Amino acid sequence: MNKAKSIIRIAILLILGITAVGLLFGMEQNKDNTSWFIHFVLDKAFAIGTIWCIVRLYNHWSKIDPWFIAYDKMCDEVMNKPNPTQL
């Protein structure tokens, strides 16, 4: 059951990330300037809100989920001992 929870959490972050990128880089194709501006502002606001949710969820789950803990540990090890050929 623990593996299933980890996979579901990763899938949630992935879906939210794809949604945020789509909203952030997508452009509305309305001809009316007022409608275009409203959609532009709302899309970017929803994208920023989605990114905020991703950060909050990752920060919470990285403390309790074993897969996120292992990922953070691997990243810390690489930062402490970087590959000399990649410097």
Protein backbone atom coordinates (compact mmCIF):
# COMPACT_ATOMS: atom_id res chain seq x y z
CA MET A 1 0.00 0.00 0.00
CA ASN A 2 2.89 2.35 0.69
CA LYS A 3 4.18 2.01 -2.90
CA ALA A 4 0.72 2.80 -4.25
CA LYS A 5 0.52 5.96 -2.15
CA SER A 6 3.95 7.08 -3.37
CA ILE A 7 3.02 6.49 -7.00
CA ILE A 8 -0.27 8.35 -6.57
CA ARG A 9 1.56 11.28 -4.96
CA ILE A 10 4.07 11.40 -7.82
CA ALA A 11 1.21 11.26 -10.34
CA ILE A 12 -0.57 14.12 -8.58
CA LEU A 13 2.56 16.28 -8.70
CA LEU A 14 3.08 15.37 -12.37
CA ILE A 15 -0.49 16.25 -13.34
CA LEU A 16 -0.34 19.53 -11.43
CA GLY A 17 3.00 20.34 -13.06
CA ILE A 18 1.70 19.70 -16.57
CA THR A 19 -1.36 21.82 -15.82
CA ALA A 20 0.78 24.66 -14.46
CA VAL A 21 3.05 24.66 -17.52
CA GLY A 22 0.04 24.63 -19.85
CA LEU A 23 -1.58 27.54 -18.05
CA LEU A 24 1.66 29.49 -17.72
CA PHE A 25 2.80 29.22 -21.33
CA GLY A 26 -0.58 28.97 -23.04
CA MET A 27 -2.04 32.00 -24.78
CA GLU A 28 -5.68 32.87 -25.30
CA GLN A 29 -6.74 33.50 -28.90
CA ASN A 30 -9.67 35.89 -28.35
CA LYS A 31 -10.10 38.87 -30.66
CA ASP A 32 -11.72 40.99 -27.99
CA ASN A 33 -9.03 42.78 -25.95
CA THR A 34 -10.98 42.80 -22.70
CA SER A 35 -11.75 39.09 -22.86
CA TRP A 36 -8.16 38.31 -23.84
CA PHE A 37 -6.78 40.29 -20.89
CA ILE A 38 -9.15 38.66 -18.40
CA HIS A 39 -8.25 35.17 -19.65
CA PHE A 40 -4.56 36.06 -19.66
CA VAL A 41 -4.60 37.25 -16.04
CA LEU A 42 -6.74 34.34 -14.82
CA ASP A 43 -4.61 31.72 -16.60
CA LYS A 44 -1.41 33.12 -15.14
CA ALA A 45 -2.97 33.42 -11.67
CA PHE A 46 -4.16 29.80 -11.79
CA ALA A 47 -0.69 28.73 -12.97
CA ILE A 48 0.99 30.51 -10.07
CA GLY A 49 -1.56 29.02 -7.67
CA THR A 50 -0.91 25.55 -9.06
CA ILE A 51 2.85 25.99 -8.67
CA TRP A 52 2.27 27.14 -5.09
CA CYS A 53 0.23 23.97 -4.45
CA ILE A 54 3.00 21.81 -5.95
CA VAL A 55 5.60 23.39 -3.69
CA ARG A 56 3.42 23.00 -0.60
CA LEU A 57 2.56 19.38 -1.38
CA TYR A 58 6.18 18.45 -2.14
CA ASN A 59 7.44 20.09 1.04
CA HIS A 60 4.84 18.19 3.07
CA TRP A 61 5.27 14.84 1.32
CA SER A 62 9.09 15.00 1.33
CA LYS A 63 8.95 14.67 5.11
CA ILE A 64 6.66 11.62 5.25
CA ASP A 65 6.92 9.71 1.96
CA PRO A 66 9.85 7.26 1.69
CA TRP A 67 10.33 7.78 -2.06
CA PHE A 68 10.52 11.55 -1.70
CA ILE A 69 12.90 11.18 1.26
CA ALA A 70 15.16 8.91 -0.82
CA TYR A 71 15.05 11.38 -3.74
CA ASP A 72 16.03 14.27 -1.45
CA LYS A 73 18.84 12.17 0.02
CA MET A 74 20.20 11.33 -3.45
CA CYS A 75 20.09 15.00 -4.45
CA ASP A 76 21.93 16.00 -1.28
CA GLU A 77 24.63 13.39 -1.94
CA VAL A 78 25.16 14.69 -5.47
CA MET A 79 25.37 18.28 -4.25
CA ASN A 80 27.99 17.28 -1.65
CA LYS A 81 30.08 15.21 -4.09
CA PRO A 82 29.47 16.45 -7.64
CA ASN A 83 30.77 14.61 -10.66
CA PRO A 84 34.11 16.27 -11.59
CA THR A 85 33.51 15.78 -15.32
CA GLN A 86 30.34 17.87 -15.09
CA LEU A 87 31.89 20.93 -13.42
